[in-house]
Amino acid sequence: MTEHAYGPTGAGTVMLDLGPDTGALVLYTPAYLAGREIEISPHTPDARRTHASVRERPGNHGTRYAAVYVGLAAGDYTIWQDHDTPASTVAVTGGRVTCHDWV
């Protein structure tokens, strides 16, 4: 996975596409993963993967680091540690933002 040098995001910089069968995922990570692109895929064999970059996200209660995945079909997803190693799984629900911590 590629690393990029993105700066911190500001308020209102992520558009979410939510609907009855569409949700979003916010994957909170440790700071050392800033700039890393983390892949996810539907939890089915040979599913196509998508990725998002971990960015610094300042907020009212301090800074957190997270990758945000938008427009996801509701269902179970695999979060990939690297190309071959799953890190965890998460269920995305339509009409909601699911939050998950990197393990």
PDB file of N, CA and C in Angstrom:
ATOM      1  N   MET A   1       0.821  -1.165   0.000  1.00  0.00           N
ATOM      2  CA  MET A   1       0.000   0.000   0.000  1.00  0.00           C
ATOM      3  C   MET A   1       0.874   1.241   0.000  1.00  0.00           C
ATOM      4  N   THR A   2       0.445   2.238  -0.688  1.00  0.00           N
ATOM      5  CA  THR A   2       1.214   3.451  -0.872  1.00  0.00           C
ATOM      6  C   THR A   2       0.996   4.429   0.264  1.00  0.00           C
ATOM      7  N   GLU A   3       2.054   5.202   0.570  1.00  0.00           N
ATOM      8  CA  GLU A   3       1.916   6.246   1.562  1.00  0.00           C
ATOM      9  C   GLU A   3       1.941   7.590   0.863  1.00  0.00           C
ATOM     10  N   HIS A   4       1.106   8.509   1.298  1.00  0.00           N
ATOM     11  CA  HIS A   4       1.035   9.853   0.747  1.00  0.00           C
ATOM     12  C   HIS A   4       1.219  10.853   1.870  1.00  0.00           C
ATOM     13  N   ALA A   5       1.620  12.063   1.514  1.00  0.00           N
ATOM     14  CA  ALA A   5       1.834  13.114   2.509  1.00  0.00           C
ATOM     15  C   ALA A   5       0.657  14.079   2.517  1.00  0.00           C
ATOM     16  N   TYR A   6      -0.489  13.615   3.009  1.00  0.00           N
ATOM     17  CA  TYR A   6      -1.646  14.480   3.137  1.00  0.00           C
ATOM     18  C   TYR A   6      -1.560  15.228   4.452  1.00  0.00           C
ATOM     19  N   GLY A   7      -2.034  16.455   4.454  1.00  0.00           N
ATOM     20  CA  GLY A   7      -2.106  17.231   5.680  1.00  0.00           C
ATOM     21  C   GLY A   7      -3.371  16.889   6.442  1.00  0.00           C
ATOM     22  N   PRO A   8      -3.561  17.564   7.565  1.00  0.00           N
ATOM     23  CA  PRO A   8      -4.775  17.320   8.348  1.00  0.00           C
ATOM     24  C   PRO A   8      -6.010  17.784   7.596  1.00  0.00           C
ATOM     25  N   THR A   9      -7.128  17.181   7.898  1.00  0.00           N
ATOM     26  CA  THR A   9      -8.390  17.599   7.293  1.00  0.00           C
ATOM     27  C   THR A   9      -9.048  18.639   8.182  1.00  0.00           C
ATOM     28  N   GLY A  10      -9.940  19.368   7.595  1.00  0.00           N
ATOM     29  CA  GLY A  10     -10.691  20.351   8.357  1.00  0.00           C
ATOM     30  C   GLY A  10     -12.136  19.927   8.478  1.00  0.00           C
ATOM     31  N   ALA A  11     -12.896  20.687   9.219  1.00  0.00           N
ATOM     32  CA  ALA A  11     -14.311  20.382   9.391  1.00  0.00           C
ATOM     33  C   ALA A  11     -15.031  20.450   8.059  1.00  0.00           C
ATOM     34  N   GLY A  12     -15.896  19.465   7.819  1.00  0.00           N
ATOM     35  CA  GLY A  12     -16.720  19.470   6.613  1.00  0.00           C
ATOM     36  C   GLY A  12     -16.006  19.075   5.343  1.00  0.00           C
ATOM     37  N   THR A  13     -14.864  18.380   5.427  1.00  0.00           N
ATOM     38  CA  THR A  13     -14.115  18.048   4.219  1.00  0.00           C
ATOM     39  C   THR A  13     -14.458  16.681   3.640  1.00  0.00           C
ATOM     40  N   VAL A  14     -15.343  15.926   4.259  1.00  0.00           N
ATOM     41  CA  VAL A  14     -15.721  14.609   3.761  1.00  0.00           C
ATOM     42  C   VAL A  14     -17.219  14.600   3.481  1.00  0.00           C
ATOM     43  N   MET A  15     -17.585  14.272   2.231  1.00  0.00           N
ATOM     44  CA  MET A  15     -18.995  14.131   1.872  1.00  0.00           C
ATOM     45  C   MET A  15     -19.377  12.669   2.037  1.00  0.00           C
ATOM     46  N   LEU A  16     -20.490  12.415   2.721  1.00  0.00           N
ATOM     47  CA  LEU A  16     -20.952  11.055   2.938  1.00  0.00           C
ATOM     48  C   LEU A  16     -22.168  10.779   2.074  1.00  0.00           C
ATOM     49  N   ASP A  17     -22.182   9.614   1.454  1.00  0.00           N
ATOM     50  CA  ASP A  17     -23.301   9.169   0.630  1.00  0.00           C
ATOM     51  C   ASP A  17     -24.025   8.084   1.417  1.00  0.00           C
ATOM     52  N   LEU A  18     -25.101   8.467   2.117  1.00  0.00           N
ATOM     53  CA  LEU A  18     -25.840   7.522   2.946  1.00  0.00           C
ATOM     54  C   LEU A  18     -27.230   7.316   2.370  1.00  0.00           C
ATOM     55  N   GLY A  19     -27.698   6.086   2.419  1.00  0.00           N
ATOM     56  CA  GLY A  19     -29.031   5.757   1.954  1.00  0.00           C
ATOM     57  C   GLY A  19     -29.474   4.465   2.593  1.00  0.00           C
ATOM     58  N   PRO A  20     -30.653   3.985   2.241  1.00  0.00           N
ATOM     59  CA  PRO A  20     -31.174   2.767   2.881  1.00  0.00           C
ATOM     60  C   PRO A  20     -30.225   1.570   2.787  1.00  0.00           C
ATOM     61  N   ASP A  21     -29.501   1.458   1.669  1.00  0.00           N
ATOM     62  CA  ASP A  21     -28.586   0.333   1.470  1.00  0.00           C
ATOM     63  C   ASP A  21     -27.130   0.773   1.353  1.00  0.00           C
ATOM     64  N   THR A  22     -26.857   2.026   1.716  1.00  0.00           N
ATOM     65  CA  THR A  22     -25.515   2.590   1.577  1.00  0.00           C
ATOM     66  C   THR A  22     -25.090   3.231   2.884  1.00  0.00           C
ATOM     67  N   GLY A  23     -23.880   2.874   3.340  1.00  0.00           N
ATOM     68  CA  GLY A  23     -23.348   3.433   4.571  1.00  0.00           C
ATOM     69  C   GLY A  23     -21.939   3.945   4.364  1.00  0.00           C
ATOM     70  N   ALA A  24     -21.287   4.295   5.451  1.00  0.00           N
ATOM     71  CA  ALA A  24     -19.905   4.766   5.427  1.00  0.00           C
ATOM     72  C   ALA A  24     -19.171   4.142   6.613  1.00  0.00           C
ATOM     73  N   LEU A  25     -17.847   4.133   6.512  1.00  0.00           N
ATOM     74  CA  LEU A  25     -17.005   3.575   7.566  1.00  0.00           C
ATOM     75  C   LEU A  25     -15.932   4.580   7.922  1.00  0.00           C
ATOM     76  N   VAL A  26     -15.779   4.853   9.218  1.00  0.00           N
ATOM     77  CA  VAL A  26     -14.656   5.626   9.728  1.00  0.00           C
ATOM     78  C   VAL A  26     -13.784   4.644  10.491  1.00  0.00           C
ATOM     79  N   LEU A  27     -12.565   4.454  10.000  1.00  0.00           N
ATOM     80  CA  LEU A  27     -11.620   3.521  10.609  1.00  0.00           C
ATOM     81  C   LEU A  27     -10.586   4.329  11.384  1.00  0.00           C
ATOM     82  N   TYR A  28     -10.687   4.315  12.720  1.00  0.00           N
ATOM     83  CA  TYR A  28      -9.738   5.029  13.566  1.00  0.00           C
ATOM     84  C   TYR A  28      -8.472   4.194  13.714  1.00  0.00           C
ATOM     85  N   THR A  29      -7.316   4.869  13.610  1.00  0.00           N
ATOM     86  CA  THR A  29      -6.027   4.181  13.647  1.00  0.00           C
ATOM     87  C   THR A  29      -5.064   4.903  14.587  1.00  0.00           C
ATOM     88  N   PRO A  30      -3.950   4.248  14.916  1.00  0.00           N
ATOM     89  CA  PRO A  30      -2.883   4.954  15.632  1.00  0.00           C
ATOM     90  C   PRO A  30      -2.225   5.985  14.704  1.00  0.00           C
ATOM     91  N   ALA A  31      -1.583   6.977  15.292  1.00  0.00           N
ATOM     92  CA  ALA A  31      -0.935   8.044  14.530  1.00  0.00           C
ATOM     93  C   ALA A  31       0.131   7.524  13.564  1.00  0.00           C
ATOM     94  N   TYR A  32       0.816   6.450  13.908  1.00  0.00           N
ATOM     95  CA  TYR A  32       1.897   5.962  13.054  1.00  0.00           C
ATOM     96  C   TYR A  32       1.404   5.494  11.678  1.00  0.00           C
ATOM     97  N   LEU A  33       0.100   5.313  11.519  1.00  0.00           N
ATOM     98  CA  LEU A  33      -0.440   4.910  10.217  1.00  0.00           C
ATOM     99  C   LEU A  33      -0.817   6.105   9.338  1.00  0.00           C
ATOM    100  N   ALA A  34      -0.589   7.326   9.805  1.00  0.00           N
ATOM    101  CA  ALA A  34      -0.906   8.515   9.008  1.00  0.00           C
ATOM    102  C   ALA A  34      -0.223   8.426   7.647  1.00  0.00           C
ATOM    103  N   GLY A  35      -0.989   8.672   6.592  1.00  0.00           N
ATOM    104  CA  GLY A  35      -0.475   8.615   5.225  1.00  0.00           C
ATOM    105  C   GLY A  35      -0.605   7.254   4.572  1.00  0.00           C
ATOM    106  N   ARG A  36      -0.842   6.225   5.335  1.00  0.00           N
ATOM    107  CA  ARG A  36      -0.955   4.880   4.767  1.00  0.00           C
ATOM    108  C   ARG A  36      -2.345   4.676   4.171  1.00  0.00           C
ATOM    109  N   GLU A  37      -2.394   4.033   3.031  1.00  0.00           N
ATOM    110  CA  GLU A  37      -3.670   3.678   2.420  1.00  0.00           C
ATOM    111  C   GLU A  37      -4.052   2.281   2.895  1.00  0.00           C
ATOM    112  N   ILE A  38      -5.235   2.169   3.471  1.00  0.00           N
ATOM    113  CA  ILE A  38      -5.697   0.892   4.005  1.00  0.00           C
ATOM    114  C   ILE A  38      -6.837   0.402   3.134  1.00  0.00           C
ATOM    115  N   GLU A  39      -6.705  -0.843   2.688  1.00  0.00           N
ATOM    116  CA  GLU A  39      -7.714  -1.444   1.819  1.00  0.00           C
ATOM    117  C   GLU A  39      -8.799  -2.146   2.623  1.00  0.00           C
ATOM    118  N   ILE A  40     -10.011  -2.110   2.077  1.00  0.00           N
ATOM    119  CA  ILE A  40     -11.121  -2.903   2.594  1.00  0.00           C
ATOM    120  C   ILE A  40     -11.785  -3.588   1.408  1.00  0.00           C
ATOM    121  N   SER A  41     -12.532  -4.638   1.688  1.00  0.00           N
ATOM    122  CA  SER A  41     -13.282  -5.315   0.633  1.00  0.00           C
ATOM    123  C   SER A  41     -14.507  -5.975   1.239  1.00  0.00           C
ATOM    124  N   PRO A  42     -15.565  -6.120   0.433  1.00  0.00           N
ATOM    125  CA  PRO A  42     -16.710  -6.894   0.931  1.00  0.00           C
ATOM    126  C   PRO A  42     -16.223  -8.276   1.361  1.00  0.00           C
ATOM    127  N   HIS A  43     -16.851  -8.818   2.354  1.00  0.00           N
ATOM    128  CA  HIS A  43     -16.430 -10.097   2.941  1.00  0.00           C
ATOM    129  C   HIS A  43     -16.951 -11.270   2.104  1.00  0.00           C
ATOM    130  N   THR A  44     -16.544 -11.280   0.838  1.00  0.00           N
ATOM    131  CA  THR A  44     -16.900 -12.357  -0.082  1.00  0.00           C
ATOM    132  C   THR A  44     -15.654 -12.734  -0.875  1.00  0.00           C
ATOM    133  N   PRO A  45     -15.575 -13.969  -1.362  1.00  0.00           N
ATOM    134  CA  PRO A  45     -14.393 -14.386  -2.117  1.00  0.00           C
ATOM    135  C   PRO A  45     -14.196 -13.516  -3.364  1.00  0.00           C
ATOM    136  N   ASP A  46     -12.952 -13.164  -3.633  1.00  0.00           N
ATOM    137  CA  ASP A  46     -12.552 -12.418  -4.829  1.00  0.00           C
ATOM    138  C   ASP A  46     -13.229 -11.057  -4.964  1.00  0.00           C
ATOM    139  N   ALA A  47     -13.638 -10.452  -3.859  1.00  0.00           N
ATOM    140  CA  ALA A  47     -14.282  -9.138  -3.908  1.00  0.00           C
ATOM    141  C   ALA A  47     -13.256  -8.065  -4.254  1.00  0.00           C
ATOM    142  N   ARG A  48     -13.711  -7.063  -4.971  1.00  0.00           N
ATOM    143  CA  ARG A  48     -12.852  -5.942  -5.334  1.00  0.00           C
ATOM    144  C   ARG A  48     -12.588  -5.080  -4.096  1.00  0.00           C
ATOM    145  N   ARG A  49     -11.338  -4.656  -3.944  1.00  0.00           N
ATOM    146  CA  ARG A  49     -10.949  -3.847  -2.803  1.00  0.00           C
ATOM    147  C   ARG A  49     -11.022  -2.357  -3.134  1.00  0.00           C
ATOM    148  N   THR A  50     -11.221  -1.570  -2.098  1.00  0.00           N
ATOM    149  CA  THR A  50     -11.128  -0.123  -2.208  1.00  0.00           C
ATOM    150  C   THR A  50     -10.211   0.343  -1.095  1.00  0.00           C
ATOM    151  N   HIS A  51      -9.686   1.547  -1.207  1.00  0.00           N
ATOM    152  CA  HIS A  51      -8.769   2.022  -0.173  1.00  0.00           C
ATOM    153  C   HIS A  51      -9.047   3.484   0.157  1.00  0.00           C
ATOM    154  N   ALA A  52      -8.570   3.882   1.312  1.00  0.00           N
ATOM    155  CA  ALA A  52      -8.620   5.274   1.751  1.00  0.00           C
ATOM    156  C   ALA A  52      -7.352   5.545   2.549  1.00  0.00           C
ATOM    157  N   SER A  53      -6.928   6.781   2.533  1.00  0.00           N
ATOM    158  CA  SER A  53      -5.719   7.183   3.241  1.00  0.00           C
ATOM    159  C   SER A  53      -6.042   7.598   4.670  1.00  0.00           C
ATOM    160  N   VAL A  54      -5.184   7.197   5.580  1.00  0.00           N
ATOM    161  CA  VAL A  54      -5.310   7.624   6.969  1.00  0.00           C
ATOM    162  C   VAL A  54      -4.819   9.069   7.051  1.00  0.00           C
ATOM    163  N   ARG A  55      -5.673   9.924   7.629  1.00  0.00           N
ATOM    164  CA  ARG A  55      -5.335  11.339   7.736  1.00  0.00           C
ATOM    165  C   ARG A  55      -5.535  11.822   9.162  1.00  0.00           C
ATOM    166  N   GLU A  56      -4.811  12.861   9.484  1.00  0.00           N
ATOM    167  CA  GLU A  56      -4.980  13.529  10.768  1.00  0.00           C
ATOM    168  C   GLU A  56      -6.319  14.256  10.736  1.00  0.00           C
ATOM    169  N   ARG A  57      -7.128  14.054  11.777  1.00  0.00           N
ATOM    170  CA  ARG A  57      -8.467  14.651  11.818  1.00  0.00           C
ATOM    171  C   ARG A  57      -8.662  15.368  13.148  1.00  0.00           C
ATOM    172  N   PRO A  58      -8.346  16.690  13.150  1.00  0.00           N
ATOM    173  CA  PRO A  58      -8.518  17.465  14.384  1.00  0.00           C
ATOM    174  C   PRO A  58      -9.996  17.618  14.732  1.00  0.00           C
ATOM    175  N   GLY A  59     -10.300  17.619  15.998  1.00  0.00           N
ATOM    176  CA  GLY A  59     -11.682  17.770  16.447  1.00  0.00           C
ATOM    177  C   GLY A  59     -11.746  18.510  17.764  1.00  0.00           C
ATOM    178  N   ASN A  60     -12.943  18.652  18.278  1.00  0.00           N
ATOM    179  CA  ASN A  60     -13.148  19.377  19.534  1.00  0.00           C
ATOM    180  C   ASN A  60     -12.453  18.719  20.721  1.00  0.00           C
ATOM    181  N   HIS A  61     -12.242  17.421  20.653  1.00  0.00           N
ATOM    182  CA  HIS A  61     -11.655  16.686  21.778  1.00  0.00           C
ATOM    183  C   HIS A  61     -10.240  16.209  21.468  1.00  0.00           C
ATOM    184  N   GLY A  62      -9.564  16.875  20.547  1.00  0.00           N
ATOM    185  CA  GLY A  62      -8.196  16.505  20.205  1.00  0.00           C
ATOM    186  C   GLY A  62      -8.103  15.924  18.802  1.00  0.00           C
ATOM    187  N   THR A  63      -6.932  15.488  18.463  1.00  0.00           N
ATOM    188  CA  THR A  63      -6.662  14.947  17.131  1.00  0.00           C
ATOM    189  C   THR A  63      -6.769  13.436  17.136  1.00  0.00           C
ATOM    190  N   ARG A  64      -7.433  12.921  16.103  1.00  0.00           N
ATOM    191  CA  ARG A  64      -7.496  11.470  15.883  1.00  0.00           C
ATOM    192  C   ARG A  64      -7.005  11.209  14.474  1.00  0.00           C
ATOM    193  N   TYR A  65      -6.713   9.973  14.186  1.00  0.00           N
ATOM    194  CA  TYR A  65      -6.269   9.569  12.858  1.00  0.00           C
ATOM    195  C   TYR A  65      -7.263   8.558  12.334  1.00  0.00           C
ATOM    196  N   ALA A  66      -7.690   8.756  11.082  1.00  0.00           N
ATOM    197  CA  ALA A  66      -8.729   7.876  10.555  1.00  0.00           C
ATOM    198  C   ALA A  66      -8.713   7.867   9.036  1.00  0.00           C
ATOM    199  N   ALA A  67      -9.179   6.745   8.493  1.00  0.00           N
ATOM    200  CA  ALA A  67      -9.490   6.619   7.063  1.00  0.00           C
ATOM    201  C   ALA A  67     -11.011   6.602   6.973  1.00  0.00           C
ATOM    202  N   VAL A  68     -11.555   7.289   5.962  1.00  0.00           N
ATOM    203  CA  VAL A  68     -13.011   7.365   5.801  1.00  0.00           C
ATOM    204  C   VAL A  68     -13.375   6.739   4.457  1.00  0.00           C
ATOM    205  N   TYR A  69     -14.276   5.778   4.502  1.00  0.00           N
ATOM    206  CA  TYR A  69     -14.756   5.073   3.308  1.00  0.00           C
ATOM    207  C   TYR A  69     -16.210   5.460   3.114  1.00  0.00           C
ATOM    208  N   VAL A  70     -16.530   6.019   1.970  1.00  0.00           N
ATOM    209  CA  VAL A  70     -17.889   6.519   1.720  1.00  0.00           C
ATOM    210  C   VAL A  70     -18.583   5.676   0.656  1.00  0.00           C
ATOM    211  N   GLY A  71     -19.898   5.730   0.646  1.00  0.00           N
ATOM    212  CA  GLY A  71     -20.680   5.058  -0.384  1.00  0.00           C
ATOM    213  C   GLY A  71     -20.536   3.551  -0.394  1.00  0.00           C
ATOM    214  N   LEU A  72     -20.465   2.931   0.775  1.00  0.00           N
ATOM    215  CA  LEU A  72     -20.312   1.473   0.859  1.00  0.00           C
ATOM    216  C   LEU A  72     -21.670   0.786   0.884  1.00  0.00           C
ATOM    217  N   ALA A  73     -21.797  -0.253   0.091  1.00  0.00           N
ATOM    218  CA  ALA A  73     -23.002  -1.072   0.160  1.00  0.00           C
ATOM    219  C   ALA A  73     -23.064  -1.724   1.533  1.00  0.00           C
ATOM    220  N   ALA A  74     -24.251  -1.765   2.118  1.00  0.00           N
ATOM    221  CA  ALA A  74     -24.404  -2.397   3.426  1.00  0.00           C
ATOM    222  C   ALA A  74     -23.928  -3.842   3.361  1.00  0.00           C
ATOM    223  N   GLY A  75     -23.227  -4.281   4.403  1.00  0.00           N
ATOM    224  CA  GLY A  75     -22.732  -5.655   4.455  1.00  0.00           C
ATOM    225  C   GLY A  75     -21.470  -5.754   5.285  1.00  0.00           C
ATOM    226  N   ASP A  76     -20.897  -6.952   5.293  1.00  0.00           N
ATOM    227  CA  ASP A  76     -19.670  -7.209   6.041  1.00  0.00           C
ATOM    228  C   ASP A  76     -18.450  -6.929   5.172  1.00  0.00           C
ATOM    229  N   TYR A  77     -17.424  -6.319   5.795  1.00  0.00           N
ATOM    230  CA  TYR A  77     -16.195  -5.952   5.085  1.00  0.00           C
ATOM    231  C   TYR A  77     -14.980  -6.490   5.821  1.00  0.00           C
ATOM    232  N   THR A  78     -13.955  -6.849   5.036  1.00  0.00           N
ATOM    233  CA  THR A  78     -12.651  -7.212   5.575  1.00  0.00           C
ATOM    234  C   THR A  78     -11.765  -5.975   5.499  1.00  0.00           C
ATOM    235  N   ILE A  79     -11.075  -5.677   6.591  1.00  0.00           N
ATOM    236  CA  ILE A  79     -10.069  -4.616   6.622  1.00  0.00           C
ATOM    237  C   ILE A  79      -8.722  -5.313   6.498  1.00  0.00           C
ATOM    238  N   TRP A  80      -7.912  -4.877   5.540  1.00  0.00           N
ATOM    239  CA  TRP A  80      -6.658  -5.571   5.233  1.00  0.00           C
ATOM    240  C   TRP A  80      -5.472  -4.881   5.885  1.00  0.00           C
ATOM    241  N   GLN A  81      -4.676  -5.670   6.601  1.00  0.00           N
ATOM    242  CA  GLN A  81      -3.434  -5.179   7.209  1.00  0.00           C
ATOM    243  C   GLN A  81      -2.391  -4.959   6.128  1.00  0.00           C
ATOM    244  N   ASP A  82      -2.317  -5.880   5.199  1.00  0.00           N
ATOM    245  CA  ASP A  82      -1.459  -5.773   4.016  1.00  0.00           C
ATOM    246  C   ASP A  82      -2.154  -6.564   2.913  1.00  0.00           C
ATOM    247  N   HIS A  83      -1.490  -6.771   1.801  1.00  0.00           N
ATOM    248  CA  HIS A  83      -2.137  -7.414   0.657  1.00  0.00           C
ATOM    249  C   HIS A  83      -2.730  -8.778   0.984  1.00  0.00           C
ATOM    250  N   ASP A  84      -2.054  -9.544   1.856  1.00  0.00           N
ATOM    251  CA  ASP A  84      -2.465 -10.919   2.126  1.00  0.00           C
ATOM    252  C   ASP A  84      -3.060 -11.170   3.506  1.00  0.00           C
ATOM    253  N   THR A  85      -2.981 -10.194   4.402  1.00  0.00           N
ATOM    254  CA  THR A  85      -3.343 -10.422   5.792  1.00  0.00           C
ATOM    255  C   THR A  85      -4.555  -9.596   6.216  1.00  0.00           C
ATOM    256  N   PRO A  86      -5.675 -10.256   6.522  1.00  0.00           N
ATOM    257  CA  PRO A  86      -6.805  -9.493   7.045  1.00  0.00           C
ATOM    258  C   PRO A  86      -6.507  -9.012   8.465  1.00  0.00           C
ATOM    259  N   ALA A  87      -6.917  -7.782   8.774  1.00  0.00           N
ATOM    260  CA  ALA A  87      -6.713  -7.231  10.116  1.00  0.00           C
ATOM    261  C   ALA A  87      -7.949  -7.457  10.971  1.00  0.00           C
ATOM    262  N   SER A  88      -9.139  -7.257  10.380  1.00  0.00           N
ATOM    263  CA  SER A  88     -10.386  -7.443  11.107  1.00  0.00           C
ATOM    264  C   SER A  88     -11.551  -7.374  10.133  1.00  0.00           C
ATOM    265  N   THR A  89     -12.737  -7.570  10.651  1.00  0.00           N
ATOM    266  CA  THR A  89     -13.943  -7.425   9.851  1.00  0.00           C
ATOM    267  C   THR A  89     -14.874  -6.445  10.541  1.00  0.00           C
ATOM    268  N   VAL A  90     -15.747  -5.843   9.751  1.00  0.00           N
ATOM    269  CA  VAL A  90     -16.686  -4.863  10.279  1.00  0.00           C
ATOM    270  C   VAL A  90     -17.974  -4.939   9.461  1.00  0.00           C
ATOM    271  N   ALA A  91     -19.102  -4.712  10.120  1.00  0.00           N
ATOM    272  CA  ALA A  91     -20.397  -4.686   9.439  1.00  0.00           C
ATOM    273  C   ALA A  91     -20.791  -3.233   9.199  1.00  0.00           C
ATOM    274  N   VAL A  92     -21.067  -2.895   7.943  1.00  0.00           N
ATOM    275  CA  VAL A  92     -21.536  -1.563   7.569  1.00  0.00           C
ATOM    276  C   VAL A  92     -23.042  -1.642   7.381  1.00  0.00           C
ATOM    277  N   THR A  93     -23.750  -0.712   7.998  1.00  0.00           N
ATOM    278  CA  THR A  93     -25.209  -0.673   7.947  1.00  0.00           C
ATOM    279  C   THR A  93     -25.653   0.470   7.050  1.00  0.00           C
ATOM    280  N   GLY A  94     -26.653   0.236   6.226  1.00  0.00           N
ATOM    281  CA  GLY A  94     -27.200   1.283   5.378  1.00  0.00           C
ATOM    282  C   GLY A  94     -27.736   2.438   6.201  1.00  0.00           C
ATOM    283  N   GLY A  95     -27.531   3.663   5.699  1.00  0.00           N
ATOM    284  CA  GLY A  95     -28.041   4.844   6.351  1.00  0.00           C
ATOM    285  C   GLY A  95     -27.272   5.297   7.571  1.00  0.00           C
ATOM    286  N   ARG A  96     -26.120   4.680   7.841  1.00  0.00           N
ATOM    287  CA  ARG A  96     -25.348   4.997   9.049  1.00  0.00           C
ATOM    288  C   ARG A  96     -23.853   5.121   8.749  1.00  0.00           C
ATOM    289  N   VAL A  97     -23.181   5.804   9.665  1.00  0.00           N
ATOM    290  CA  VAL A  97     -21.721   5.841   9.665  1.00  0.00           C
ATOM    291  C   VAL A  97     -21.268   4.856  10.737  1.00  0.00           C
ATOM    292  N   THR A  98     -20.528   3.846  10.332  1.00  0.00           N
ATOM    293  CA  THR A  98     -19.984   2.857  11.260  1.00  0.00           C
ATOM    294  C   THR A  98     -18.583   3.298  11.643  1.00  0.00           C
ATOM    295  N   CYS A  99     -18.262   3.283  12.927  1.00  0.00           N
ATOM    296  CA  CYS A  99     -16.918   3.601  13.422  1.00  0.00           C
ATOM    297  C   CYS A  99     -16.267   2.312  13.917  1.00  0.00           C
ATOM    298  N   HIS A 100     -14.994   2.175  13.594  1.00  0.00           N
ATOM    299  CA  HIS A 100     -14.277   0.946  13.959  1.00  0.00           C
ATOM    300  C   HIS A 100     -12.842   1.324  14.288  1.00  0.00           C
ATOM    301  N   ASP A 101     -12.255   0.664  15.281  1.00  0.00           N
ATOM    302  CA  ASP A 101     -10.861   0.906  15.662  1.00  0.00           C
ATOM    303  C   ASP A 101      -9.953  -0.134  15.043  1.00  0.00           C
ATOM    304  N   TRP A 102      -8.825   0.321  14.511  1.00  0.00           N
ATOM    305  CA  TRP A 102      -7.778  -0.549  13.980  1.00  0.00           C
ATOM    306  C   TRP A 102      -7.275  -1.438  15.109  1.00  0.00           C
ATOM    307  N   VAL A 103      -7.137  -2.707  14.851  1.00  0.00           N
ATOM    308  CA  VAL A 103      -6.667  -3.612  15.886  1.00  0.00           C
ATOM    309  C   VAL A 103      -5.335  -4.189  15.520  1.00  0.00           C
TER     310      VAL A 103
END
